[in-house]
Amino acid sequence: PVRDVIPCYATATVKPATPSSDILEVACCFAMRWSNPIPLSDYQNAPLERGVYEIGFGKNPLEAKYLGKAMGGSSTIRSRLSSHYNLHGNKHITSDNRDGLFVRWIQASHPDCAKAKMLQKNNYPWNEKREPECDSD
């Protein structure tokens, strides 16, 4: 379940989630809280919405390894997590580790921009593709 959605009207800055603060601020999406981490195997509990999501090890705190996006329409957070769980996503998610992975998400109006900003500020070792820059500054 996603907590507190607050529209963001500030400049495009990112305050990454940390153990002391799970608030993300990106002008191109929302200022809001991450969902509580759930096992990747419970992907059917994720929303049918657009947004960004982190996949990693551990639940509290989540040690994020991958940052993904769901652009909306048929690409929802739930559908993307289903693809990852069923091994049609990132090559680092395998049948050997998928049941030990956790995920959390943020619904975002512009997931591509949110992902680009977060990749600039954080290290996600399983993200290997070069992502386009966000030009909303």
Protein backbone atom coordinates (compact mmCIF):
# COMPACT_ATOMS: atom_id res chain seq x y z
CA PRO A 1 0.00 0.00 0.00
CA VAL A 2 1.29 3.45 -0.95
CA ARG A 3 1.28 6.07 1.79
CA ASP A 4 0.53 9.82 1.49
CA VAL A 5 0.52 11.14 -2.08
CA ILE A 6 1.37 14.85 -2.15
CA PRO A 7 1.67 16.79 -5.45
CA CYS A 8 5.14 18.28 -5.91
CA TYR A 9 5.58 21.75 -7.36
CA ALA A 10 9.24 22.30 -6.46
CA THR A 11 12.24 22.27 -8.76
CA ALA A 12 13.40 18.86 -9.98
CA THR A 13 15.47 17.54 -7.10
CA VAL A 14 15.76 14.09 -5.63
CA LYS A 15 15.97 13.22 -1.97
CA PRO A 16 16.64 9.48 -2.10
CA ALA A 17 14.98 7.19 0.38
CA THR A 18 17.18 6.38 3.35
CA PRO A 19 16.54 4.45 6.55
CA SER A 20 15.74 7.78 8.25
CA SER A 21 13.60 9.22 5.45
CA ASP A 22 11.51 7.40 2.89
CA ILE A 23 10.37 10.57 1.10
CA LEU A 24 11.18 11.05 -2.58
CA GLU A 25 10.80 14.45 -4.18
CA VAL A 26 10.91 14.77 -7.95
CA ALA A 27 9.18 17.67 -9.69
CA CYS A 28 8.26 15.46 -12.63
CA CYS A 29 6.26 13.07 -10.49
CA PHE A 30 5.13 13.48 -6.88
CA ALA A 31 6.59 13.97 -3.46
CA MET A 32 5.41 10.87 -1.71
CA ARG A 33 6.44 7.86 0.29
CA TRP A 34 7.59 4.52 -1.02
CA SER A 35 5.22 1.62 -0.55
CA ASN A 36 6.15 -0.88 2.12
CA PRO A 37 8.43 -3.55 0.62
CA ILE A 38 6.73 -6.81 -0.32
CA PRO A 39 8.18 -10.05 -1.72
CA LEU A 40 8.52 -9.93 -5.50
CA SER A 41 6.48 -13.14 -5.55
CA ASP A 42 3.51 -11.06 -4.27
CA TYR A 43 3.61 -8.83 -7.38
CA GLN A 44 -0.17 -9.27 -7.82
CA ASN A 45 -0.59 -6.87 -4.86
CA ALA A 46 1.14 -4.03 -6.76
CA PRO A 47 -1.00 -1.29 -8.32
CA LEU A 48 -2.26 -1.19 -11.89
CA GLU A 49 -0.69 2.26 -12.25
CA ARG A 50 2.38 3.90 -13.75
CA GLY A 51 5.39 4.62 -11.58
CA VAL A 52 8.89 3.55 -10.60
CA TYR A 53 9.92 0.55 -8.52
CA GLU A 54 12.98 -0.83 -6.80
CA ILE A 55 13.86 -4.52 -6.60
CA GLY A 56 16.43 -5.80 -4.14
CA PHE A 57 17.30 -7.87 -1.10
CA GLY A 58 16.04 -7.42 2.44
CA LYS A 59 12.83 -5.87 3.61
CA ASN A 60 13.81 -3.31 6.21
CA PRO A 61 15.73 -1.63 4.78
CA LEU A 62 15.50 -2.70 1.16
CA GLU A 63 18.94 -3.04 -0.44
CA ALA A 64 17.87 -1.88 -3.92
CA LYS A 65 19.70 -3.46 -6.84
CA TYR A 66 17.41 -2.46 -9.73
CA LEU A 67 15.24 0.53 -10.55
CA GLY A 68 12.48 0.06 -13.10
CA LYS A 69 9.61 2.04 -14.56
CA ALA A 70 6.08 1.38 -15.69
CA MET A 71 4.89 3.92 -18.26
CA GLY A 72 1.14 3.32 -17.93
CA GLY A 73 -1.45 1.79 -20.22
CA SER A 74 -0.57 -1.90 -20.45
CA SER A 75 2.76 -1.23 -18.67
CA THR A 76 1.73 -1.00 -15.01
CA ILE A 77 3.79 -1.52 -11.90
CA ARG A 78 2.04 -4.87 -11.47
CA SER A 79 2.65 -5.99 -15.05
CA ARG A 80 6.33 -5.03 -14.92
CA LEU A 81 6.84 -6.88 -11.62
CA SER A 82 5.05 -9.90 -13.08
CA SER A 83 7.47 -9.83 -16.02
CA HIS A 84 10.45 -9.68 -13.68
CA TYR A 85 9.15 -12.51 -11.49
CA ASN A 86 8.46 -14.64 -14.58
CA LEU A 87 12.02 -13.97 -15.83
CA HIS A 88 11.12 -11.68 -18.73
CA GLY A 89 12.88 -8.61 -17.31
CA ASN A 90 16.31 -7.85 -15.93
CA LYS A 91 18.87 -10.62 -16.47
CA HIS A 92 20.02 -10.43 -12.83
CA ILE A 93 16.62 -11.66 -11.62
CA THR A 94 16.86 -15.43 -11.95
CA SER A 95 14.97 -18.51 -10.82
CA ASP A 96 17.70 -18.92 -8.19
CA ASN A 97 17.15 -15.53 -6.51
CA ARG A 98 13.65 -14.28 -7.39
CA ASP A 99 11.95 -15.75 -4.32
CA GLY A 100 14.39 -13.88 -2.06
CA LEU A 101 13.77 -10.49 -3.68
CA PHE A 102 11.61 -7.66 -2.38
CA VAL A 103 10.07 -4.71 -4.19
CA ARG A 104 8.67 -1.27 -3.39
CA TRP A 105 7.19 1.38 -5.65
CA ILE A 106 6.08 4.97 -6.07
CA GLN A 107 3.27 5.96 -8.40
CA ALA A 108 4.52 8.74 -10.68
CA SER A 109 2.98 10.84 -13.42
CA HIS A 110 6.22 10.79 -15.46
CA PRO A 111 8.04 7.54 -14.63
CA ASP A 112 10.72 8.05 -17.28
CA CYS A 113 11.75 11.35 -15.73
CA ALA A 114 11.56 10.00 -12.18
CA LYS A 115 13.75 7.03 -13.13
CA ALA A 116 16.30 9.22 -14.90
CA LYS A 117 16.58 11.52 -11.88
CA MET A 118 16.91 8.63 -9.45
CA LEU A 119 19.59 6.94 -11.58
CA GLN A 120 21.60 10.19 -11.50
CA LYS A 121 21.56 10.22 -7.70
CA ASN A 122 21.68 6.55 -6.69
CA ASN A 123 23.61 3.40 -7.57
CA TYR A 124 21.54 0.51 -8.89
CA PRO A 125 24.10 -2.17 -9.91
CA TRP A 126 21.60 -4.21 -11.96
CA ASN A 127 20.72 -1.24 -14.19
CA GLU A 128 23.07 -1.60 -17.14
CA LYS A 129 21.22 0.15 -19.99
CA ARG A 130 21.92 3.81 -20.58
CA GLU A 131 18.77 5.78 -19.81
CA PRO A 132 17.83 9.08 -21.45
CA GLU A 133 18.37 12.24 -19.42
CA CYS A 134 15.38 14.05 -17.97
CA ASP A 135 14.98 17.55 -19.40
CA SER A 136 12.35 18.87 -16.96
CA ASP A 137 14.82 21.04 -14.97
